[in-house]
Structure formats: C-alpha cells, structure tokens
Amino acid sequence: MPQRHIRTDRLTQQILEAGSGPLVLLVHGFPELSISWRAQLEALAAAGFHAVAPDMRGYGGTEKPADRDGYSILHLVGDMVDLVRALGRDRCTVVGHDWGAAVAWHCALMRPDLFTAVAALSVPFQPRRPKGPPTAAMAALSKRAGLGDLYISRFQANDAHLVFDADPATALRKMFHAYDGATPADRQSTGFLAPGESLIGSIPDDVPLPPWMSDPHFAEYVAAFAAGGFRAPLDWYRCLDLNWAQTAFLQDARVRVPAAFMVGERDPVRRYAGAHEAAMKDWIPDLRVQRVLPGAGHWIQQERPDEVNAFLLDFLRGL
C-alpha cells in the first residue's frame, strides 16, 4: 500500500493512501498508527474513494514537536485542514477512532465547510463542559465513585510516558489485550487505577496479543514506538485542560454535518465515556446511524474490519 511523506504548512506528515475519488480521511488514536486502517483503506479504495490515513502529530513517521502545548486540539484539527489542502481537495469525509474520533468530531465542529461528513468509532461526541476543565472533573468523579484514579488523570504527570518507553513491546501488548473484545471481562482494563499503580502495571504480565494481531503487524507498532517514544502521544492527554481553555468559542456548539457512530459492545472505554452515547442526538441533529457492535472491544476497525467497512460504506454511499 503506497506510503509517502507530504509537507503541510506546519509539519511533514507520513500517510498511507489508496484509491481515487472522493476523499476520506482516516484518523487513528492511541496507541495506534496509520497502519491501523489498512483494511479500511483497501475497502474504501475498492469502492471508489481516495482513502488517506496519516500518522498523526507525534506518531510514527510524522514529525514530533518538542513543545507539549503543540498537541492541542487546535493543532490536531489544523493538521487535518492542512493535509486536505496539501492533497489538493476542498472537502472530505473525516473518520476517526479513539483520540482520532475526538479529532474528527472537532474537525466537523470547527470546519463543516471542509469536513462535510463525519464518522466516529469507539469515542462518542463529548461537548465542552461549561463548569470547568476536564481533569478536575475526572478526579472528582473518581473520588466520589471510590474507583481510584482514571488513567487519563495519571497521564497528566510529566513522566507518565516513561513506563511505556521502558519496554514498548510489553506496553503495547498489554494495551491491545486489555481493551480487546475477545479478552475475558476480568482481564479487561477498567481504566481506573489503585494508588501508586500505572496503567501498564495494572495489566497482568502474561497476557497474549489479541487474536486479530499478527506478529508481523505487531512488530510494525513496536518498531514505530521504540523509535518515536510515547512522550508525544501522551502530550495529547496533557493538553486536555488547554483544549478546554482554548475552545470557549465552541461552548454549546453542535455538529451540523451528517454523522455516524459505532462502538464495540465490550469496549472498556464505555465505562467512562459511555454516558455521552445517550445524548449524542441532542448534539448532532443529523446523526444518521448509531450502532453498537456485539462482542467487539475498543480496537474495532482491526477486530471487526468487515463490519466496520460495511458500516462506513453504507454511510458514505448515503451522503
């Protein structure tokens, strides 16, 4: 599958692409890469679309700015605007998974003239809270529930990436296993951590790779994160409060473009983001489909590529 580097206004991005026709941008999350979308790139190209998946800012073959504040949602949306422009297009459909879903929702929210439709996987649209920054709210929720710290709170520490960097292969294997749909419930991560416990430390050492993850595919992830590290990917999380401060202009804004959402029934992220699923229609008037995929976990486009491909193509053909 063709891979190349493309220079945008602010950084050089590495992309995978396939096909020709209307542009569909595929935005990955944590801890993933453009290769997470291979099955979708092939299916979309075969259906007559130009499918493009970048390594996002801080990941893989794309540049990794040193400034932590350089990973705000304004930078991430701006990168996608720049990429569409560099590809010579003036409109596209944006598809995102995990953190990439948050980016995709904000692309549609901020630039509906350019991102004329949006599909998101695993993470629902979450409107800006009017009551203050998100990390304080997360900490208060965890304290009230007595569940320990949400891992996102732990990721705010300046050294949180070091446990990942110490052994990228182990960290990635544990993450992919603990959020997979095939993993038994008592071995999935809850996302909540006991005092002094790291996310990686909370997952047993003996876990295998998920059934969909081949050794060669896993080796690609390990090589990329061993070379690039986890500092920049965790800086996305460290910008959460900055994002809140910078997006007052989006308070009470709604996603007005056609939209679609799919989540795995067994996705552990639903334990702390699932409440937003029920309210999505209030914030997205043209939410055309909202689907829960039975038995699927968090890595939905890799776990269940055929169903995700059919879901995306149905949505795209209906636009």
Protein backbone atom coordinates (compact mmCIF):
# COMPACT_ATOMS: atom_id res chain seq x y z
CA MET A 1 0.00 0.00 0.00
CA PRO A 2 1.56 3.34 -1.05
CA GLN A 3 3.19 5.33 1.76
CA ARG A 4 4.69 8.78 1.38
CA HIS A 5 5.59 11.94 3.22
CA ILE A 6 3.67 15.10 2.50
CA ARG A 7 4.66 18.56 3.65
CA THR A 8 1.87 20.69 5.08
CA ASP A 9 2.07 24.24 6.45
CA ARG A 10 3.50 23.24 9.81
CA LEU A 11 4.96 19.75 9.68
CA THR A 12 5.76 16.77 7.49
CA GLN A 13 3.17 14.01 7.75
CA GLN A 14 3.59 10.38 6.77
CA ILE A 15 0.49 8.97 5.11
CA LEU A 16 -0.86 5.71 3.74
CA GLU A 17 -3.23 6.10 0.83
CA ALA A 18 -5.17 4.06 -1.66
CA GLY A 19 -7.66 4.62 -4.46
CA SER A 20 -9.04 7.65 -6.22
CA GLY A 21 -12.29 9.56 -5.96
CA PRO A 22 -13.90 11.49 -3.10
CA LEU A 23 -11.50 11.96 -0.21
CA VAL A 24 -11.96 10.07 3.06
CA LEU A 25 -9.52 10.90 5.85
CA LEU A 26 -8.90 8.20 8.49
CA VAL A 27 -7.60 9.45 11.85
CA HIS A 28 -6.09 6.98 14.32
CA GLY A 29 -5.97 7.10 18.11
CA PHE A 30 -3.75 5.91 20.98
CA PRO A 31 -1.55 3.91 20.79
CA GLU A 32 -2.03 3.31 17.08
CA LEU A 33 -0.75 4.41 13.68
CA SER A 34 -1.92 4.83 10.10
CA ILE A 35 -1.46 1.06 9.68
CA SER A 36 -4.47 0.58 11.98
CA TRP A 37 -6.63 1.47 8.96
CA ARG A 38 -5.24 -0.92 6.33
CA ALA A 39 -8.46 -2.90 5.98
CA GLN A 40 -10.49 0.29 5.59
CA LEU A 41 -8.03 1.81 3.09
CA GLU A 42 -8.38 -1.27 0.89
CA ALA A 43 -12.17 -1.42 1.14
CA LEU A 44 -12.69 2.29 0.53
CA ALA A 45 -10.32 2.30 -2.43
CA ALA A 46 -12.13 -0.67 -3.98
CA ALA A 47 -15.42 1.22 -3.57
CA GLY A 48 -14.19 4.29 -5.46
CA PHE A 49 -12.82 6.56 -2.74
CA HIS A 50 -9.42 8.16 -2.18
CA ALA A 51 -8.65 6.92 1.34
CA VAL A 52 -5.82 8.58 3.28
CA ALA A 53 -4.58 7.64 6.76
CA PRO A 54 -1.86 9.83 8.32
CA ASP A 55 0.43 9.03 11.19
CA MET A 56 -0.82 11.78 13.45
CA ARG A 57 1.34 14.51 15.00
CA GLY A 58 3.75 12.85 17.43
CA TYR A 59 3.32 9.35 15.98
CA GLY A 60 5.20 7.09 13.60
CA GLY A 61 6.76 8.77 10.60
CA THR A 62 5.18 12.17 11.21
CA GLU A 63 7.08 14.95 12.97
CA LYS A 64 7.01 15.16 16.76
CA PRO A 65 7.20 18.75 18.04
CA ALA A 66 9.00 19.09 21.38
CA ASP A 67 6.56 21.58 22.93
CA ARG A 68 3.86 19.85 24.97
CA ASP A 69 1.33 22.56 24.14
CA GLY A 70 1.88 21.77 20.47
CA TYR A 71 -0.57 18.85 20.77
CA SER A 72 -3.72 20.83 21.47
CA ILE A 73 -6.96 20.11 19.63
CA LEU A 74 -6.40 23.28 17.60
CA HIS A 75 -3.10 21.89 16.34
CA LEU A 76 -4.60 18.47 15.62
CA VAL A 77 -7.57 19.84 13.67
CA GLY A 78 -5.25 22.29 11.93
CA ASP A 79 -3.05 19.41 10.80
CA MET A 80 -6.04 17.74 9.14
CA VAL A 81 -7.09 21.00 7.48
CA ASP A 82 -3.54 21.38 6.17
CA LEU A 83 -3.47 17.78 4.96
CA VAL A 84 -6.70 18.09 2.97
CA ARG A 85 -5.35 21.26 1.41
CA ALA A 86 -1.99 19.64 0.60
CA LEU A 87 -3.87 16.80 -1.11
CA GLY A 88 -5.47 19.38 -3.39
CA ARG A 89 -9.01 18.97 -2.04
CA ASP A 90 -11.57 21.40 -0.67
CA ARG A 91 -13.84 18.90 1.10
CA CYS A 92 -13.76 15.40 2.56
CA THR A 93 -15.37 12.97 4.96
CA VAL A 94 -13.38 12.51 8.16
CA VAL A 95 -13.40 9.21 10.08
CA GLY A 96 -11.77 8.83 13.49
CA HIS A 97 -11.14 6.16 16.10
CA ASP A 98 -10.38 6.68 19.82
CA TRP A 99 -8.48 10.01 20.13
CA GLY A 100 -8.90 10.25 16.37
CA ALA A 101 -12.67 10.27 16.94
CA ALA A 102 -12.29 13.36 19.14
CA VAL A 103 -10.23 14.98 16.38
CA ALA A 104 -12.81 14.02 13.75
CA TRP A 105 -15.71 15.42 15.81
CA HIS A 106 -13.82 18.69 16.23
CA CYS A 107 -12.94 18.83 12.54
CA ALA A 108 -16.65 18.71 11.76
CA LEU A 109 -17.46 21.14 14.57
CA MET A 110 -14.87 23.76 13.57
CA ARG A 111 -14.76 23.42 9.78
CA PRO A 112 -18.04 21.99 8.45
CA ASP A 113 -17.30 23.67 5.11
CA LEU A 114 -14.28 21.39 4.68
CA PHE A 115 -15.24 18.28 6.64
CA THR A 116 -18.68 17.79 5.21
CA ALA A 117 -19.43 14.49 6.98
CA VAL A 118 -18.01 12.66 9.99
CA ALA A 119 -17.95 9.06 11.20
CA ALA A 120 -16.50 8.12 14.57
CA LEU A 121 -15.58 4.81 16.17
CA SER A 122 -15.43 3.99 19.88
CA VAL A 123 -15.48 7.51 21.37
CA PRO A 124 -18.76 9.49 21.22
CA PHE A 125 -19.01 13.23 20.78
CA GLN A 126 -18.37 14.99 24.08
CA PRO A 127 -19.45 18.63 24.23
CA ARG A 128 -17.38 21.17 26.10
CA ARG A 129 -18.19 21.27 29.81
CA PRO A 130 -19.33 24.72 30.97
CA LYS A 131 -18.27 24.09 34.58
CA GLY A 132 -14.50 23.93 34.26
CA PRO A 133 -11.52 21.94 32.96
CA PRO A 134 -11.94 18.19 32.42
CA THR A 135 -9.10 16.83 34.56
CA ALA A 136 -10.58 18.28 37.75
CA ALA A 137 -13.96 16.79 36.85
CA MET A 138 -12.35 13.39 36.23
CA ALA A 139 -10.59 13.48 39.58
CA ALA A 140 -13.79 14.45 41.40
CA LEU A 141 -15.77 11.69 39.67
CA SER A 142 -13.16 9.07 40.54
CA LYS A 143 -13.10 10.20 44.17
CA ARG A 144 -16.88 10.09 44.51
CA ALA A 145 -17.07 6.64 42.95
CA GLY A 146 -14.18 5.28 45.01
CA LEU A 147 -12.71 3.62 41.94
CA GLY A 148 -9.20 5.03 42.06
CA ASP A 149 -7.70 7.40 39.51
CA LEU A 150 -8.77 7.26 35.89
CA TYR A 151 -5.68 6.53 33.81
CA ILE A 152 -6.16 9.86 31.98
CA SER A 153 -5.50 11.63 35.27
CA ARG A 154 -2.28 9.67 35.71
CA PHE A 155 -1.22 10.56 32.17
CA GLN A 156 -1.04 14.23 33.22
CA ALA A 157 2.25 13.59 35.02
CA ASN A 158 5.31 14.79 33.12
CA ASP A 159 6.97 11.38 33.45
CA ALA A 160 3.92 9.21 32.70
CA HIS A 161 5.35 8.09 29.37
CA LEU A 162 8.50 6.60 30.88
CA VAL A 163 6.89 3.29 31.85
CA PHE A 164 5.81 2.90 28.21
CA ASP A 165 9.20 3.88 26.84
CA ALA A 166 10.98 1.41 29.11
CA ASP A 167 9.51 -1.57 27.23
CA PRO A 168 7.36 -0.57 24.22
CA ALA A 169 6.61 -4.18 23.21
CA THR A 170 5.23 -5.07 26.64
CA ALA A 171 3.28 -1.83 26.93
CA LEU A 172 1.66 -2.25 23.53
CA ARG A 173 0.87 -5.93 24.06
CA LYS A 174 -0.81 -5.15 27.36
CA MET A 175 -2.80 -2.23 25.95
CA PHE A 176 -4.06 -4.15 22.94
CA HIS A 177 -5.03 -7.13 25.10
CA ALA A 178 -6.70 -5.20 27.92
CA TYR A 179 -9.05 -3.27 25.62
CA ASP A 180 -9.90 -6.08 23.19
CA GLY A 181 -13.33 -7.61 22.74
CA ALA A 182 -12.02 -11.19 22.93
CA THR A 183 -10.45 -10.60 26.36
CA PRO A 184 -12.47 -12.00 29.30
CA ALA A 185 -14.17 -9.36 31.41
CA ASP A 186 -11.96 -9.99 34.44
CA ARG A 187 -8.85 -9.37 32.32
CA GLN A 188 -10.03 -6.21 30.59
CA SER A 189 -8.85 -2.88 31.95
CA THR A 190 -11.40 -0.83 33.85
CA GLY A 191 -9.36 2.32 33.22
CA PHE A 192 -9.26 3.04 36.97
CA LEU A 193 -6.05 2.60 38.94
CA ALA A 194 -5.18 1.96 42.58
CA PRO A 195 -2.82 4.39 44.34
CA GLY A 196 0.71 4.02 43.04
CA GLU A 197 -0.37 1.79 40.15
CA SER A 198 0.32 2.57 36.49
CA LEU A 199 -1.96 1.57 33.64
CA ILE A 200 0.68 -0.84 32.34
CA GLY A 201 1.31 -2.18 35.83
CA SER A 202 -2.40 -2.87 36.32
CA ILE A 203 -2.44 -5.38 33.43
CA PRO A 204 -1.05 -8.90 34.07
CA ASP A 205 2.36 -9.68 32.61
CA ASP A 206 1.31 -12.92 30.91
CA VAL A 207 -1.32 -11.54 28.54
CA PRO A 208 -1.15 -12.57 24.85
CA LEU A 209 -1.75 -10.48 21.77
CA PRO A 210 -5.37 -10.23 20.62
CA PRO A 211 -6.44 -12.89 18.09
CA TRP A 212 -6.54 -10.36 15.21
CA MET A 213 -2.99 -9.08 15.81
CA SER A 214 -0.35 -10.97 13.81
CA ASP A 215 3.28 -10.99 14.90
CA PRO A 216 4.44 -9.03 11.80
CA HIS A 217 1.73 -6.39 12.32
CA PHE A 218 2.65 -6.07 15.98
CA ALA A 219 6.31 -5.72 15.06
CA GLU A 220 5.42 -2.62 13.00
CA TYR A 221 3.89 -0.99 16.07
CA VAL A 222 6.82 -1.91 18.28
CA ALA A 223 9.36 -0.54 15.81
CA ALA A 224 7.49 2.75 15.45
CA PHE A 225 7.05 3.36 19.18
CA ALA A 226 10.55 2.17 20.04
CA ALA A 227 11.87 4.79 17.62
CA GLY A 228 9.47 7.63 18.41
CA GLY A 229 8.57 7.01 22.05
CA PHE A 230 5.36 7.73 23.95
CA ARG A 231 6.09 11.26 25.15
CA ALA A 232 4.29 12.99 22.29
CA PRO A 233 1.24 10.65 22.25
CA LEU A 234 0.74 11.28 25.98
CA ASP A 235 1.10 15.02 25.39
CA TRP A 236 -2.29 14.78 23.63
CA TYR A 237 -3.75 13.88 27.05
CA ARG A 238 -1.69 16.55 28.82
CA CYS A 239 -3.39 19.17 26.63
CA LEU A 240 -6.92 18.35 27.81
CA ASP A 241 -7.22 21.38 30.08
CA LEU A 242 -5.54 23.56 27.48
CA ASN A 243 -8.11 22.35 24.95
CA TRP A 244 -10.89 23.39 27.32
CA ALA A 245 -9.34 26.83 27.75
CA GLN A 246 -8.91 27.35 24.01
CA THR A 247 -12.38 26.24 22.94
CA ALA A 248 -14.73 28.59 24.78
CA PHE A 249 -15.92 29.65 21.34
CA LEU A 250 -17.33 26.13 20.88
CA GLN A 251 -19.46 26.19 24.04
CA ASP A 252 -22.90 24.71 23.22
CA ALA A 253 -21.94 24.25 19.55
CA ARG A 254 -23.49 21.30 17.73
CA VAL A 255 -22.12 19.07 14.98
CA ARG A 256 -24.27 20.03 12.00
CA VAL A 257 -22.88 17.78 9.25
CA PRO A 258 -24.12 14.22 8.54
CA ALA A 259 -22.64 11.87 11.12
CA ALA A 260 -22.35 8.21 12.08
CA PHE A 261 -21.11 6.44 15.21
CA MET A 262 -20.18 2.85 16.02
CA VAL A 263 -18.89 1.42 19.29
CA GLY A 264 -17.99 -2.08 20.42
CA GLU A 265 -20.38 -3.61 22.92
CA ARG A 266 -17.43 -4.73 25.10
CA ASP A 267 -15.32 -1.61 24.74
CA PRO A 268 -13.96 -0.73 28.22
CA VAL A 269 -13.96 2.96 27.24
CA ARG A 270 -17.75 2.86 27.56
CA ARG A 271 -17.27 2.63 31.33
CA TYR A 272 -16.07 6.23 31.46
CA ALA A 273 -17.26 7.77 28.17
CA GLY A 274 -20.41 5.77 27.51
CA ALA A 275 -22.75 8.23 29.22
CA HIS A 276 -22.26 10.56 26.26
CA GLU A 277 -23.69 7.97 23.84
CA ALA A 278 -27.26 8.52 25.01
CA ALA A 279 -27.06 12.29 24.46
CA MET A 280 -25.45 12.28 21.03
CA LYS A 281 -28.65 13.02 19.11
CA ASP A 282 -29.07 16.21 21.17
CA TRP A 283 -25.69 17.45 19.96
CA ILE A 284 -25.69 16.01 16.43
CA PRO A 285 -29.01 16.75 14.69
CA ASP A 286 -28.03 14.77 11.56
CA LEU A 287 -26.76 11.66 13.35
CA ARG A 288 -27.82 9.16 10.71
CA VAL A 289 -26.74 5.95 12.39
CA GLN A 290 -25.58 4.98 15.88
CA ARG A 291 -24.66 1.34 16.28
CA VAL A 292 -23.30 -0.98 18.97
CA LEU A 293 -21.34 -3.89 17.52
CA PRO A 294 -21.99 -7.05 19.57
CA GLY A 295 -18.93 -8.62 21.15
CA ALA A 296 -16.47 -6.04 19.83
CA GLY A 297 -13.96 -4.22 22.01
CA HIS A 298 -12.06 -1.00 21.56
CA TRP A 299 -9.86 -1.77 18.52
CA ILE A 300 -13.00 -2.06 16.47
CA GLN A 301 -11.71 -1.40 12.95
CA GLN A 302 -8.99 -4.03 13.41
CA GLU A 303 -11.05 -6.52 15.42
CA ARG A 304 -14.05 -6.49 13.08
CA PRO A 305 -12.91 -4.99 9.77
CA ASP A 306 -15.68 -6.43 7.59
CA GLU A 307 -18.48 -4.98 9.73
CA VAL A 308 -16.74 -1.64 10.14
CA ASN A 309 -16.09 -1.44 6.39
CA ALA A 310 -19.75 -2.17 5.63
CA PHE A 311 -20.82 0.44 8.19
CA LEU A 312 -18.58 3.11 6.68
CA LEU A 313 -19.52 2.34 3.09
CA ASP A 314 -23.24 2.41 3.88
CA PHE A 315 -22.79 5.82 5.46
CA LEU A 316 -20.64 7.19 2.65
CA ARG A 317 -22.96 5.96 -0.08
CA GLY A 318 -25.90 7.59 1.64
CA LEU A 319 -24.37 11.05 1.66
